[in-house]
Protein backbone atom coordinates (compact mmCIF):
# COMPACT_ATOMS: atom_id res chain seq x y z
CA UNK A 1 0.00 0.00 0.00
CA UNK A 2 2.84 2.41 0.74
CA UNK A 3 4.18 1.89 -2.76
CA UNK A 4 0.97 3.28 -4.25
CA UNK A 5 1.22 6.44 -2.15
CA UNK A 6 4.82 7.05 -3.14
CA UNK A 7 4.04 6.43 -6.82
CA UNK A 8 1.19 8.95 -6.84
CA UNK A 9 3.34 11.63 -5.20
CA UNK A 10 5.99 11.18 -7.89
CA UNK A 11 3.50 11.52 -10.75
CA UNK A 12 1.28 14.43 -9.74
CA UNK A 13 1.87 17.77 -8.08
CA UNK A 14 4.05 16.12 -5.43
CA UNK A 15 7.06 16.42 -7.73
CA UNK A 16 7.07 20.18 -7.11
CA UNK A 17 7.94 19.77 -3.42
CA UNK A 18 11.09 18.72 -1.57
CA UNK A 19 11.63 17.79 2.08
CA UNK A 20 14.64 19.70 3.40
CA UNK A 21 16.47 19.26 6.71
CA UNK A 22 18.85 21.86 8.13
CA UNK A 23 21.13 21.34 11.13
CA UNK A 24 21.69 24.24 13.53
CA UNK A 25 24.03 24.44 16.51
CA UNK A 26 22.82 26.10 19.71
CA UNK A 27 25.39 28.63 20.94
CA UNK A 28 24.51 28.26 24.63
CA UNK A 29 24.58 24.48 25.02
CA UNK A 30 26.53 23.41 21.94
CA UNK A 31 23.87 20.88 21.02
CA UNK A 32 22.52 20.44 17.51
CA UNK A 33 18.91 20.68 16.43
CA UNK A 34 17.28 19.86 13.13
CA UNK A 35 14.69 21.92 11.28
CA UNK A 36 12.55 20.03 8.77
CA UNK A 37 10.23 21.59 6.21
CA UNK A 38 8.55 20.69 2.96
CA UNK A 39 9.16 23.49 0.48
CA UNK A 40 8.71 24.01 -3.24
CA UNK A 41 11.64 23.20 -5.48
CA UNK A 42 12.09 26.90 -6.27
CA UNK A 43 12.67 27.89 -2.63
CA UNK A 44 15.16 25.20 -1.59
CA UNK A 45 18.21 27.47 -1.91
CA UNK A 46 16.46 30.26 0.01
CA UNK A 47 15.73 27.83 2.86
CA UNK A 48 19.41 27.01 3.30
CA UNK A 49 20.53 30.66 3.03
CA UNK A 50 18.37 31.75 5.95
C-alpha atoms as a PDB file:
ATOM      1  CA  UNK A   1       0.000   0.000   0.000  1.00  0.00           C
ATOM      2  CA  UNK A   2       2.836   2.406   0.740  1.00  0.00           C
ATOM      3  CA  UNK A   3       4.178   1.889  -2.762  1.00  0.00           C
ATOM      4  CA  UNK A   4       0.974   3.282  -4.249  1.00  0.00           C
ATOM      5  CA  UNK A   5       1.221   6.441  -2.155  1.00  0.00           C
ATOM      6  CA  UNK A   6       4.825   7.047  -3.144  1.00  0.00           C
ATOM      7  CA  UNK A   7       4.042   6.433  -6.819  1.00  0.00           C
ATOM      8  CA  UNK A   8       1.188   8.952  -6.843  1.00  0.00           C
ATOM      9  CA  UNK A   9       3.344  11.630  -5.205  1.00  0.00           C
ATOM     10  CA  UNK A  10       5.987  11.176  -7.892  1.00  0.00           C
ATOM     11  CA  UNK A  11       3.498  11.516 -10.750  1.00  0.00           C
ATOM     12  CA  UNK A  12       1.285  14.432  -9.738  1.00  0.00           C
ATOM     13  CA  UNK A  13       1.869  17.772  -8.085  1.00  0.00           C
ATOM     14  CA  UNK A  14       4.050  16.123  -5.425  1.00  0.00           C
ATOM     15  CA  UNK A  15       7.059  16.419  -7.727  1.00  0.00           C
ATOM     16  CA  UNK A  16       7.075  20.175  -7.108  1.00  0.00           C
ATOM     17  CA  UNK A  17       7.940  19.772  -3.416  1.00  0.00           C
ATOM     18  CA  UNK A  18      11.091  18.722  -1.567  1.00  0.00           C
ATOM     19  CA  UNK A  19      11.630  17.790   2.081  1.00  0.00           C
ATOM     20  CA  UNK A  20      14.642  19.699   3.405  1.00  0.00           C
ATOM     21  CA  UNK A  21      16.465  19.258   6.712  1.00  0.00           C
ATOM     22  CA  UNK A  22      18.852  21.863   8.134  1.00  0.00           C
ATOM     23  CA  UNK A  23      21.126  21.337  11.133  1.00  0.00           C
ATOM     24  CA  UNK A  24      21.695  24.245  13.527  1.00  0.00           C
ATOM     25  CA  UNK A  25      24.032  24.444  16.511  1.00  0.00           C
ATOM     26  CA  UNK A  26      22.821  26.104  19.709  1.00  0.00           C
ATOM     27  CA  UNK A  27      25.386  28.633  20.936  1.00  0.00           C
ATOM     28  CA  UNK A  28      24.506  28.259  24.634  1.00  0.00           C
ATOM     29  CA  UNK A  29      24.577  24.483  25.021  1.00  0.00           C
ATOM     30  CA  UNK A  30      26.530  23.405  21.944  1.00  0.00           C
ATOM     31  CA  UNK A  31      23.868  20.876  21.018  1.00  0.00           C
ATOM     32  CA  UNK A  32      22.524  20.436  17.514  1.00  0.00           C
ATOM     33  CA  UNK A  33      18.908  20.681  16.430  1.00  0.00           C
ATOM     34  CA  UNK A  34      17.283  19.861  13.129  1.00  0.00           C
ATOM     35  CA  UNK A  35      14.694  21.917  11.283  1.00  0.00           C
ATOM     36  CA  UNK A  36      12.546  20.031   8.772  1.00  0.00           C
ATOM     37  CA  UNK A  37      10.226  21.591   6.206  1.00  0.00           C
ATOM     38  CA  UNK A  38       8.545  20.689   2.963  1.00  0.00           C
ATOM     39  CA  UNK A  39       9.160  23.494   0.484  1.00  0.00           C
ATOM     40  CA  UNK A  40       8.706  24.007  -3.238  1.00  0.00           C
ATOM     41  CA  UNK A  41      11.635  23.197  -5.478  1.00  0.00           C
ATOM     42  CA  UNK A  42      12.093  26.902  -6.269  1.00  0.00           C
ATOM     43  CA  UNK A  43      12.674  27.892  -2.635  1.00  0.00           C
ATOM     44  CA  UNK A  44      15.156  25.196  -1.586  1.00  0.00           C
ATOM     45  CA  UNK A  45      18.214  27.473  -1.911  1.00  0.00           C
ATOM     46  CA  UNK A  46      16.457  30.262   0.008  1.00  0.00           C
ATOM     47  CA  UNK A  47      15.726  27.835   2.857  1.00  0.00           C
ATOM     48  CA  UNK A  48      19.411  27.008   3.301  1.00  0.00           C
ATOM     49  CA  UNK A  49      20.527  30.658   3.032  1.00  0.00           C
ATOM     50  CA  UNK A  50      18.367  31.747   5.954  1.00  0.00           C
END
